[in-house]
């Protein structure tokens, strides 16, 4: 766990919001859409659409969050699906509780 990379990724309100959306994807995304949640995550296109940001900005945000190990991705055909990395988030909570 690279705590500095994690805190960098969390220093942006939209990236934090994306993590919140992915905590309960069925609440924030149309789960009747075949591209949402059925493949073990939420399609990058659906995250882009909900965010209101440019595709390139969302791609950068998701890459940063994945580098910090806050997100996991899985590719199905031409689509990439993202979900939270609950193990890293649990470690982060422990770090904050014990060290800060």
PDB file of N, CA and C in Angstrom:
ATOM      1  N   UNK A   1       0.859  -1.175   0.000  1.00  0.00           N
ATOM      2  CA  UNK A   1       0.000   0.000   0.000  1.00  0.00           C
ATOM      3  C   UNK A   1       0.901   1.232   0.000  1.00  0.00           C
ATOM      4  N   UNK A   2       0.748   2.061  -1.023  1.00  0.00           N
ATOM      5  CA  UNK A   2       1.503   3.308  -1.125  1.00  0.00           C
ATOM      6  C   UNK A   2       0.604   4.443  -0.636  1.00  0.00           C
ATOM      7  N   UNK A   3       0.781   4.798   0.618  1.00  0.00           N
ATOM      8  CA  UNK A   3      -0.110   5.764   1.261  1.00  0.00           C
ATOM      9  C   UNK A   3      -0.078   7.133   0.580  1.00  0.00           C
ATOM     10  N   UNK A   4       1.086   7.542   0.076  1.00  0.00           N
ATOM     11  CA  UNK A   4       1.192   8.839  -0.595  1.00  0.00           C
ATOM     12  C   UNK A   4       0.364   8.839  -1.877  1.00  0.00           C
ATOM     13  N   UNK A   5       0.450   7.778  -2.674  1.00  0.00           N
ATOM     14  CA  UNK A   5      -0.343   7.674  -3.907  1.00  0.00           C
ATOM     15  C   UNK A   5      -1.839   7.660  -3.585  1.00  0.00           C
ATOM     16  N   UNK A   6      -2.198   6.997  -2.514  1.00  0.00           N
ATOM     17  CA  UNK A   6      -3.604   6.939  -2.112  1.00  0.00           C
ATOM     18  C   UNK A   6      -4.103   8.331  -1.750  1.00  0.00           C
ATOM     19  N   UNK A   7      -3.350   9.038  -0.917  1.00  0.00           N
ATOM     20  CA  UNK A   7      -3.787  10.380  -0.519  1.00  0.00           C
ATOM     21  C   UNK A   7      -3.802  11.347  -1.694  1.00  0.00           C
ATOM     22  N   UNK A   8      -2.886  11.188  -2.647  1.00  0.00           N
ATOM     23  CA  UNK A   8      -2.926  12.012  -3.861  1.00  0.00           C
ATOM     24  C   UNK A   8      -4.224  11.750  -4.617  1.00  0.00           C
ATOM     25  N   UNK A   9      -4.566  10.488  -4.756  1.00  0.00           N
ATOM     26  CA  UNK A   9      -5.792  10.132  -5.481  1.00  0.00           C
ATOM     27  C   UNK A   9      -7.036  10.650  -4.757  1.00  0.00           C
ATOM     28  N   UNK A  10      -6.991  10.665  -3.443  1.00  0.00           N
ATOM     29  CA  UNK A  10      -8.142  11.116  -2.657  1.00  0.00           C
ATOM     30  C   UNK A  10      -8.200  12.638  -2.490  1.00  0.00           C
ATOM     31  N   UNK A  11      -7.245  13.341  -3.063  1.00  0.00           N
ATOM     32  CA  UNK A  11      -7.195  14.802  -2.899  1.00  0.00           C
ATOM     33  C   UNK A  11      -8.101  15.544  -3.873  1.00  0.00           C
ATOM     34  N   UNK A  12      -8.934  14.816  -4.585  1.00  0.00           N
ATOM     35  CA  UNK A  12      -9.832  15.419  -5.563  1.00  0.00           C
ATOM     36  C   UNK A  12     -11.260  14.973  -5.248  1.00  0.00           C
ATOM     37  N   UNK A  13     -12.166  15.925  -5.150  1.00  0.00           N
ATOM     38  CA  UNK A  13     -13.532  15.582  -4.742  1.00  0.00           C
ATOM     39  C   UNK A  13     -14.246  14.669  -5.729  1.00  0.00           C
ATOM     40  N   UNK A  14     -13.971  14.792  -7.021  1.00  0.00           N
ATOM     41  CA  UNK A  14     -14.631  13.934  -8.008  1.00  0.00           C
ATOM     42  C   UNK A  14     -14.127  12.490  -7.890  1.00  0.00           C
ATOM     43  N   UNK A  15     -12.837  12.307  -7.616  1.00  0.00           N
ATOM     44  CA  UNK A  15     -12.325  10.942  -7.441  1.00  0.00           C
ATOM     45  C   UNK A  15     -12.921  10.300  -6.189  1.00  0.00           C
ATOM     46  N   UNK A  16     -13.073  11.067  -5.133  1.00  0.00           N
ATOM     47  CA  UNK A  16     -13.721  10.551  -3.920  1.00  0.00           C
ATOM     48  C   UNK A  16     -15.173  10.194  -4.235  1.00  0.00           C
ATOM     49  N   UNK A  17     -15.826  11.036  -5.008  1.00  0.00           N
ATOM     50  CA  UNK A  17     -17.214  10.777  -5.390  1.00  0.00           C
ATOM     51  C   UNK A  17     -17.326   9.481  -6.200  1.00  0.00           C
ATOM     52  N   UNK A  18     -16.385   9.242  -7.091  1.00  0.00           N
ATOM     53  CA  UNK A  18     -16.388   7.999  -7.874  1.00  0.00           C
ATOM     54  C   UNK A  18     -16.295   6.790  -6.934  1.00  0.00           C
ATOM     55  N   UNK A  19     -15.431   6.872  -5.933  1.00  0.00           N
ATOM     56  CA  UNK A  19     -15.344   5.780  -4.953  1.00  0.00           C
ATOM     57  C   UNK A  19     -16.670   5.583  -4.222  1.00  0.00           C
ATOM     58  N   UNK A  20     -17.335   6.684  -3.920  1.00  0.00           N
ATOM     59  CA  UNK A  20     -18.637   6.588  -3.264  1.00  0.00           C
ATOM     60  C   UNK A  20     -19.659   5.939  -4.185  1.00  0.00           C
ATOM     61  N   UNK A  21     -19.665   6.318  -5.443  1.00  0.00           N
ATOM     62  CA  UNK A  21     -20.596   5.697  -6.397  1.00  0.00           C
ATOM     63  C   UNK A  21     -20.357   4.202  -6.496  1.00  0.00           C
ATOM     64  N   UNK A  22     -19.073   3.818  -6.540  1.00  0.00           N
ATOM     65  CA  UNK A  22     -18.738   2.405  -6.722  1.00  0.00           C
ATOM     66  C   UNK A  22     -18.969   1.581  -5.461  1.00  0.00           C
ATOM     67  N   UNK A  23     -19.158   2.244  -4.334  1.00  0.00           N
ATOM     68  CA  UNK A  23     -19.491   1.509  -3.101  1.00  0.00           C
ATOM     69  C   UNK A  23     -20.867   0.874  -3.234  1.00  0.00           C
ATOM     70  N   UNK A  24     -21.795   1.598  -3.865  1.00  0.00           N
ATOM     71  CA  UNK A  24     -23.156   1.102  -4.089  1.00  0.00           C
ATOM     72  C   UNK A  24     -23.539   1.352  -5.549  1.00  0.00           C
ATOM     73  N   UNK A  25     -22.961   0.594  -6.468  1.00  0.00           N
ATOM     74  CA  UNK A  25     -23.210   0.867  -7.889  1.00  0.00           C
ATOM     75  C   UNK A  25     -24.678   0.753  -8.288  1.00  0.00           C
ATOM     76  N   UNK A  26     -25.414  -0.136  -7.635  1.00  0.00           N
ATOM     77  CA  UNK A  26     -26.828  -0.300  -7.983  1.00  0.00           C
ATOM     78  C   UNK A  26     -27.643   0.944  -7.633  1.00  0.00           C
ATOM     79  N   UNK A  27     -27.152   1.747  -6.721  1.00  0.00           N
ATOM     80  CA  UNK A  27     -27.823   2.975  -6.311  1.00  0.00           C
ATOM     81  C   UNK A  27     -27.491   4.149  -7.248  1.00  0.00           C
ATOM     82  N   UNK A  28     -26.322   4.104  -7.877  1.00  0.00           N
ATOM     83  CA  UNK A  28     -25.837   5.240  -8.655  1.00  0.00           C
ATOM     84  C   UNK A  28     -25.814   5.022 -10.167  1.00  0.00           C
ATOM     85  N   UNK A  29     -26.000   3.793 -10.598  1.00  0.00           N
ATOM     86  CA  UNK A  29     -25.955   3.480 -12.018  1.00  0.00           C
ATOM     87  C   UNK A  29     -27.170   2.644 -12.396  1.00  0.00           C
ATOM     88  N   UNK A  30     -27.545   2.710 -13.633  1.00  0.00           N
ATOM     89  CA  UNK A  30     -28.678   1.942 -14.144  1.00  0.00           C
ATOM     90  C   UNK A  30     -28.268   0.477 -14.236  1.00  0.00           C
ATOM     91  N   UNK A  31     -28.659  -0.312 -13.265  1.00  0.00           N
ATOM     92  CA  UNK A  31     -28.249  -1.712 -13.242  1.00  0.00           C
ATOM     93  C   UNK A  31     -29.043  -2.569 -14.220  1.00  0.00           C
ATOM     94  N   UNK A  32     -30.044  -1.982 -14.877  1.00  0.00           N
ATOM     95  CA  UNK A  32     -30.727  -2.726 -15.932  1.00  0.00           C
ATOM     96  C   UNK A  32     -29.918  -2.678 -17.224  1.00  0.00           C
ATOM     97  N   UNK A  33     -28.975  -1.749 -17.297  1.00  0.00           N
ATOM     98  CA  UNK A  33     -28.084  -1.640 -18.450  1.00  0.00           C
ATOM     99  C   UNK A  33     -27.112  -2.813 -18.398  1.00  0.00           C
ATOM    100  N   UNK A  34     -26.969  -3.533 -19.502  1.00  0.00           N
ATOM    101  CA  UNK A  34     -26.113  -4.713 -19.521  1.00  0.00           C
ATOM    102  C   UNK A  34     -24.653  -4.391 -19.259  1.00  0.00           C
ATOM    103  N   UNK A  35     -24.242  -3.133 -19.385  1.00  0.00           N
ATOM    104  CA  UNK A  35     -22.847  -2.764 -19.160  1.00  0.00           C
ATOM    105  C   UNK A  35     -22.549  -2.429 -17.706  1.00  0.00           C
ATOM    106  N   UNK A  36     -23.535  -2.444 -16.849  1.00  0.00           N
ATOM    107  CA  UNK A  36     -23.336  -2.016 -15.465  1.00  0.00           C
ATOM    108  C   UNK A  36     -23.400  -3.210 -14.515  1.00  0.00           C
ATOM    109  N   UNK A  37     -22.361  -3.358 -13.717  1.00  0.00           N
ATOM    110  CA  UNK A  37     -22.313  -4.259 -12.562  1.00  0.00           C
ATOM    111  C   UNK A  37     -22.374  -5.753 -12.876  1.00  0.00           C
ATOM    112  N   UNK A  38     -22.855  -6.154 -14.034  1.00  0.00           N
ATOM    113  CA  UNK A  38     -22.965  -7.590 -14.292  1.00  0.00           C
ATOM    114  C   UNK A  38     -21.617  -8.230 -14.583  1.00  0.00           C
ATOM    115  N   UNK A  39     -20.636  -7.448 -14.897  1.00  0.00           N
ATOM    116  CA  UNK A  39     -19.315  -7.984 -15.215  1.00  0.00           C
ATOM    117  C   UNK A  39     -18.338  -7.787 -14.057  1.00  0.00           C
ATOM    118  N   UNK A  40     -18.836  -7.543 -12.875  1.00  0.00           N
ATOM    119  CA  UNK A  40     -17.964  -7.380 -11.725  1.00  0.00           C
ATOM    120  C   UNK A  40     -17.487  -5.963 -11.526  1.00  0.00           C
ATOM    121  N   UNK A  41     -18.213  -5.013 -12.029  1.00  0.00           N
ATOM    122  CA  UNK A  41     -17.845  -3.615 -11.871  1.00  0.00           C
ATOM    123  C   UNK A  41     -18.738  -2.737 -12.721  1.00  0.00           C
ATOM    124  N   UNK A  42     -18.335  -1.484 -12.855  1.00  0.00           N
ATOM    125  CA  UNK A  42     -19.093  -0.510 -13.633  1.00  0.00           C
ATOM    126  C   UNK A  42     -18.256  -0.103 -14.837  1.00  0.00           C
ATOM    127  N   UNK A  43     -18.877  -0.072 -15.987  1.00  0.00           N
ATOM    128  CA  UNK A  43     -18.195   0.271 -17.231  1.00  0.00           C
ATOM    129  C   UNK A  43     -17.684   1.711 -17.177  1.00  0.00           C
ATOM    130  N   UNK A  44     -16.491   1.913 -17.699  1.00  0.00           N
ATOM    131  CA  UNK A  44     -15.892   3.247 -17.715  1.00  0.00           C
ATOM    132  C   UNK A  44     -16.804   4.257 -18.413  1.00  0.00           C
ATOM    133  N   UNK A  45     -17.531   3.839 -19.423  1.00  0.00           N
ATOM    134  CA  UNK A  45     -18.450   4.742 -20.123  1.00  0.00           C
ATOM    135  C   UNK A  45     -19.563   5.242 -19.232  1.00  0.00           C
ATOM    136  N   UNK A  46     -20.046   4.383 -18.350  1.00  0.00           N
ATOM    137  CA  UNK A  46     -21.105   4.788 -17.421  1.00  0.00           C
ATOM    138  C   UNK A  46     -20.571   5.743 -16.352  1.00  0.00           C
ATOM    139  N   UNK A  47     -19.338   5.509 -15.908  1.00  0.00           N
ATOM    140  CA  UNK A  47     -18.707   6.426 -14.952  1.00  0.00           C
ATOM    141  C   UNK A  47     -18.500   7.784 -15.618  1.00  0.00           C
ATOM    142  N   UNK A  48     -18.030   7.760 -16.849  1.00  0.00           N
ATOM    143  CA  UNK A  48     -17.820   8.999 -17.619  1.00  0.00           C
ATOM    144  C   UNK A  48     -19.114   9.774 -17.755  1.00  0.00           C
ATOM    145  N   UNK A  49     -20.175   9.091 -18.136  1.00  0.00           N
ATOM    146  CA  UNK A  49     -21.472   9.741 -18.345  1.00  0.00           C
ATOM    147  C   UNK A  49     -21.984  10.386 -17.056  1.00  0.00           C
ATOM    148  N   UNK A  50     -21.886   9.675 -15.939  1.00  0.00           N
ATOM    149  CA  UNK A  50     -22.385  10.200 -14.665  1.00  0.00           C
ATOM    150  C   UNK A  50     -21.535  11.371 -14.167  1.00  0.00           C
ATOM    151  N   UNK A  51     -20.246  11.341 -14.448  1.00  0.00           N
ATOM    152  CA  UNK A  51     -19.335  12.346 -13.900  1.00  0.00           C
ATOM    153  C   UNK A  51     -19.507  13.730 -14.521  1.00  0.00           C
ATOM    154  N   UNK A  52     -19.893  13.768 -15.803  1.00  0.00           N
ATOM    155  CA  UNK A  52     -19.990  15.053 -16.487  1.00  0.00           C
ATOM    156  C   UNK A  52     -18.639  15.601 -16.902  1.00  0.00           C
ATOM    157  N   UNK A  53     -17.587  14.819 -16.724  1.00  0.00           N
ATOM    158  CA  UNK A  53     -16.242  15.236 -17.115  1.00  0.00           C
ATOM    159  C   UNK A  53     -15.885  14.652 -18.471  1.00  0.00           C
ATOM    160  N   UNK A  54     -14.818  15.137 -19.059  1.00  0.00           N
ATOM    161  CA  UNK A  54     -14.384  14.625 -20.363  1.00  0.00           C
ATOM    162  C   UNK A  54     -13.892  13.184 -20.221  1.00  0.00           C
ATOM    163  N   UNK A  55     -13.930  12.460 -21.322  1.00  0.00           N
ATOM    164  CA  UNK A  55     -13.462  11.076 -21.335  1.00  0.00           C
ATOM    165  C   UNK A  55     -12.002  10.997 -20.913  1.00  0.00           C
ATOM    166  N   UNK A  56     -11.173  11.930 -21.393  1.00  0.00           N
ATOM    167  CA  UNK A  56      -9.746  11.891 -21.061  1.00  0.00           C
ATOM    168  C   UNK A  56      -9.523  12.149 -19.571  1.00  0.00           C
ATOM    169  N   UNK A  57     -10.296  13.051 -18.983  1.00  0.00           N
ATOM    170  CA  UNK A  57     -10.160  13.333 -17.551  1.00  0.00           C
ATOM    171  C   UNK A  57     -10.557  12.115 -16.730  1.00  0.00           C
ATOM    172  N   UNK A  58     -11.672  11.496 -17.083  1.00  0.00           N
ATOM    173  CA  UNK A  58     -12.109  10.290 -16.354  1.00  0.00           C
ATOM    174  C   UNK A  58     -11.068   9.183 -16.495  1.00  0.00           C
ATOM    175  N   UNK A  59     -10.537   9.006 -17.690  1.00  0.00           N
ATOM    176  CA  UNK A  59      -9.508   7.980 -17.895  1.00  0.00           C
ATOM    177  C   UNK A  59      -8.297   8.245 -17.009  1.00  0.00           C
ATOM    178  N   UNK A  60      -7.881   9.500 -16.915  1.00  0.00           N
ATOM    179  CA  UNK A  60      -6.750   9.854 -16.047  1.00  0.00           C
ATOM    180  C   UNK A  60      -7.088   9.585 -14.586  1.00  0.00           C
ATOM    181  N   UNK A  61      -8.285   9.962 -14.167  1.00  0.00           N
ATOM    182  CA  UNK A  61      -8.700   9.750 -12.778  1.00  0.00           C
ATOM    183  C   UNK A  61      -8.722   8.268 -12.435  1.00  0.00           C
ATOM    184  N   UNK A  62      -9.322   7.465 -13.310  1.00  0.00           N
ATOM    185  CA  UNK A  62      -9.417   6.031 -13.043  1.00  0.00           C
ATOM    186  C   UNK A  62      -8.040   5.388 -13.029  1.00  0.00           C
ATOM    187  N   UNK A  63      -7.155   5.811 -13.933  1.00  0.00           N
ATOM    188  CA  UNK A  63      -5.791   5.274 -13.958  1.00  0.00           C
ATOM    189  C   UNK A  63      -5.048   5.626 -12.674  1.00  0.00           C
ATOM    190  N   UNK A  64      -5.216   6.851 -12.208  1.00  0.00           N
ATOM    191  CA  UNK A  64      -4.564   7.279 -10.969  1.00  0.00           C
ATOM    192  C   UNK A  64      -5.080   6.461  -9.785  1.00  0.00           C
ATOM    193  N   UNK A  65      -6.375   6.252  -9.736  1.00  0.00           N
ATOM    194  CA  UNK A  65      -6.976   5.499  -8.644  1.00  0.00           C
ATOM    195  C   UNK A  65      -6.572   4.023  -8.704  1.00  0.00           C
ATOM    196  N   UNK A  66      -6.415   3.510  -9.909  1.00  0.00           N
ATOM    197  CA  UNK A  66      -5.978   2.122 -10.056  1.00  0.00           C
ATOM    198  C   UNK A  66      -4.505   1.995  -9.659  1.00  0.00           C
ATOM    199  N   UNK A  67      -3.681   2.972 -10.031  1.00  0.00           N
ATOM    200  CA  UNK A  67      -2.274   2.961  -9.648  1.00  0.00           C
ATOM    201  C   UNK A  67      -2.130   2.987  -8.126  1.00  0.00           C
ATOM    202  N   UNK A  68      -3.009   3.722  -7.455  1.00  0.00           N
ATOM    203  CA  UNK A  68      -3.007   3.794  -5.993  1.00  0.00           C
ATOM    204  C   UNK A  68      -3.650   2.557  -5.369  1.00  0.00           C
ATOM    205  N   UNK A  69      -4.121   1.644  -6.200  1.00  0.00           N
ATOM    206  CA  UNK A  69      -4.766   0.397  -5.788  1.00  0.00           C
ATOM    207  C   UNK A  69      -6.100   0.618  -5.076  1.00  0.00           C
ATOM    208  N   UNK A  70      -6.731   1.765  -5.342  1.00  0.00           N
ATOM    209  CA  UNK A  70      -8.068   2.013  -4.816  1.00  0.00           C
ATOM    210  C   UNK A  70      -9.129   1.341  -5.675  1.00  0.00           C
ATOM    211  N   UNK A  71      -8.796   1.100  -6.944  1.00  0.00           N
ATOM    212  CA  UNK A  71      -9.721   0.463  -7.881  1.00  0.00           C
ATOM    213  C   UNK A  71      -9.077  -0.763  -8.503  1.00  0.00           C
ATOM    214  N   UNK A  72      -9.919  -1.691  -8.891  1.00  0.00           N
ATOM    215  CA  UNK A  72      -9.528  -2.852  -9.681  1.00  0.00           C
ATOM    216  C   UNK A  72     -10.293  -2.759 -10.988  1.00  0.00           C
ATOM    217  N   UNK A  73      -9.712  -3.295 -12.034  1.00  0.00           N
ATOM    218  CA  UNK A  73     -10.424  -3.289 -13.305  1.00  0.00           C
ATOM    219  C   UNK A  73     -10.374  -4.680 -13.920  1.00  0.00           C
ATOM    220  N   UNK A  74     -11.388  -4.936 -14.735  1.00  0.00           N
ATOM    221  CA  UNK A  74     -11.444  -6.172 -15.497  1.00  0.00           C
ATOM    222  C   UNK A  74     -11.927  -5.799 -16.896  1.00  0.00           C
ATOM    223  N   UNK A  75     -11.334  -6.414 -17.872  1.00  0.00           N
ATOM    224  CA  UNK A  75     -11.680  -6.103 -19.254  1.00  0.00           C
ATOM    225  C   UNK A  75     -12.525  -7.238 -19.825  1.00  0.00           C
ATOM    226  N   UNK A  76     -13.639  -6.865 -20.460  1.00  0.00           N
ATOM    227  CA  UNK A  76     -14.513  -7.810 -21.156  1.00  0.00           C
ATOM    228  C   UNK A  76     -14.687  -7.267 -22.562  1.00  0.00           C
ATOM    229  N   UNK A  77     -14.040  -7.912 -23.520  1.00  0.00           N
ATOM    230  CA  UNK A  77     -14.101  -7.412 -24.892  1.00  0.00           C
ATOM    231  C   UNK A  77     -13.488  -6.029 -24.971  1.00  0.00           C
ATOM    232  N   UNK A  78     -14.239  -5.093 -25.519  1.00  0.00           N
ATOM    233  CA  UNK A  78     -13.713  -3.731 -25.642  1.00  0.00           C
ATOM    234  C   UNK A  78     -14.043  -2.856 -24.438  1.00  0.00           C
ATOM    235  N   UNK A  79     -14.720  -3.401 -23.453  1.00  0.00           N
ATOM    236  CA  UNK A  79     -15.157  -2.630 -22.285  1.00  0.00           C
ATOM    237  C   UNK A  79     -14.291  -2.927 -21.078  1.00  0.00           C
ATOM    238  N   UNK A  80     -14.014  -1.893 -20.295  1.00  0.00           N
ATOM    239  CA  UNK A  80     -13.304  -2.044 -19.030  1.00  0.00           C
ATOM    240  C   UNK A  80     -14.267  -1.689 -17.903  1.00  0.00           C
ATOM    241  N   UNK A  81     -14.313  -2.545 -16.902  1.00  0.00           N
ATOM    242  CA  UNK A  81     -15.203  -2.381 -15.759  1.00  0.00           C
ATOM    243  C   UNK A  81     -14.364  -2.134 -14.504  1.00  0.00           C
ATOM    244  N   UNK A  82     -14.791  -1.179 -13.705  1.00  0.00           N
ATOM    245  CA  UNK A  82     -14.066  -0.813 -12.483  1.00  0.00           C
ATOM    246  C   UNK A  82     -14.900  -1.118 -11.249  1.00  0.00           C
ATOM    247  N   UNK A  83     -14.192  -1.529 -10.202  1.00  0.00           N
ATOM    248  CA  UNK A  83     -14.810  -1.715  -8.886  1.00  0.00           C
ATOM    249  C   UNK A  83     -13.783  -1.290  -7.836  1.00  0.00           C
ATOM    250  N   UNK A  84     -14.291  -1.041  -6.644  1.00  0.00           N
ATOM    251  CA  UNK A  84     -13.420  -0.654  -5.537  1.00  0.00           C
ATOM    252  C   UNK A  84     -12.539  -1.830  -5.121  1.00  0.00           C
ATOM    253  N   UNK A  85     -11.343  -1.521  -4.698  1.00  0.00           N
ATOM    254  CA  UNK A  85     -10.464  -2.534  -4.123  1.00  0.00           C
ATOM    255  C   UNK A  85     -10.668  -2.468  -2.613  1.00  0.00           C
ATOM    256  N   UNK A  86     -11.547  -3.290  -2.128  1.00  0.00           N
ATOM    257  CA  UNK A  86     -11.948  -3.247  -0.717  1.00  0.00           C
ATOM    258  C   UNK A  86     -10.788  -3.592   0.217  1.00  0.00           C
ATOM    259  N   UNK A  87      -9.861  -4.405  -0.231  1.00  0.00           N
ATOM    260  CA  UNK A  87      -8.704  -4.747   0.599  1.00  0.00           C
ATOM    261  C   UNK A  87      -7.852  -3.504   0.880  1.00  0.00           C
ATOM    262  N   UNK A  88      -7.571  -2.723  -0.150  1.00  0.00           N
ATOM    263  CA  UNK A  88      -6.794  -1.495   0.034  1.00  0.00           C
ATOM    264  C   UNK A  88      -7.546  -0.508   0.915  1.00  0.00           C
ATOM    265  N   UNK A  89      -8.848  -0.369   0.686  1.00  0.00           N
ATOM    266  CA  UNK A  89      -9.636   0.558   1.495  1.00  0.00           C
ATOM    267  C   UNK A  89      -9.657   0.138   2.958  1.00  0.00           C
ATOM    268  N   UNK A  90      -9.696  -1.148   3.226  1.00  0.00           N
ATOM    269  CA  UNK A  90      -9.646  -1.651   4.590  1.00  0.00           C
ATOM    270  C   UNK A  90      -8.283  -1.366   5.224  1.00  0.00           C
ATOM    271  N   UNK A  91      -7.216  -1.577   4.458  1.00  0.00           N
ATOM    272  CA  UNK A  91      -5.867  -1.277   4.948  1.00  0.00           C
ATOM    273  C   UNK A  91      -5.719   0.218   5.237  1.00  0.00           C
ATOM    274  N   UNK A  92      -6.288   1.045   4.376  1.00  0.00           N
ATOM    275  CA  UNK A  92      -6.244   2.499   4.564  1.00  0.00           C
ATOM    276  C   UNK A  92      -6.956   2.882   5.861  1.00  0.00           C
ATOM    277  N   UNK A  93      -8.126   2.311   6.086  1.00  0.00           N
ATOM    278  CA  UNK A  93      -8.863   2.594   7.316  1.00  0.00           C
ATOM    279  C   UNK A  93      -8.050   2.186   8.541  1.00  0.00           C
ATOM    280  N   UNK A  94      -7.395   1.040   8.475  1.00  0.00           N
ATOM    281  CA  UNK A  94      -6.543   0.593   9.574  1.00  0.00           C
ATOM    282  C   UNK A  94      -5.367   1.526   9.791  1.00  0.00           C
ATOM    283  N   UNK A  95      -4.754   1.965   8.703  1.00  0.00           N
ATOM    284  CA  UNK A  95      -3.628   2.897   8.791  1.00  0.00           C
ATOM    285  C   UNK A  95      -4.057   4.193   9.476  1.00  0.00           C
ATOM    286  N   UNK A  96      -5.184   4.734   9.037  1.00  0.00           N
ATOM    287  CA  UNK A  96      -5.670   5.983   9.624  1.00  0.00           C
ATOM    288  C   UNK A  96      -5.981   5.783  11.101  1.00  0.00           C
ATOM    289  N   UNK A  97      -6.623   4.685  11.427  1.00  0.00           N
ATOM    290  CA  UNK A  97      -6.994   4.402  12.825  1.00  0.00           C
ATOM    291  C   UNK A  97      -5.768   4.234  13.715  1.00  0.00           C
ATOM    292  N   UNK A  98      -4.724   3.586  13.204  1.00  0.00           N
ATOM    293  CA  UNK A  98      -3.557   3.280  14.025  1.00  0.00           C
ATOM    294  C   UNK A  98      -2.488   4.363  13.998  1.00  0.00           C
ATOM    295  N   UNK A  99      -2.303   5.000  12.852  1.00  0.00           N
ATOM    296  CA  UNK A  99      -1.156   5.892  12.689  1.00  0.00           C
ATOM    297  C   UNK A  99      -1.483   7.370  12.736  1.00  0.00           C
ATOM    298  N   UNK A 100      -2.707   7.747  12.405  1.00  0.00           N
ATOM    299  CA  UNK A 100      -3.014   9.175  12.331  1.00  0.00           C
ATOM    300  C   UNK A 100      -3.917   9.621  13.463  1.00  0.00           C
TER     301      UNK A 100
END
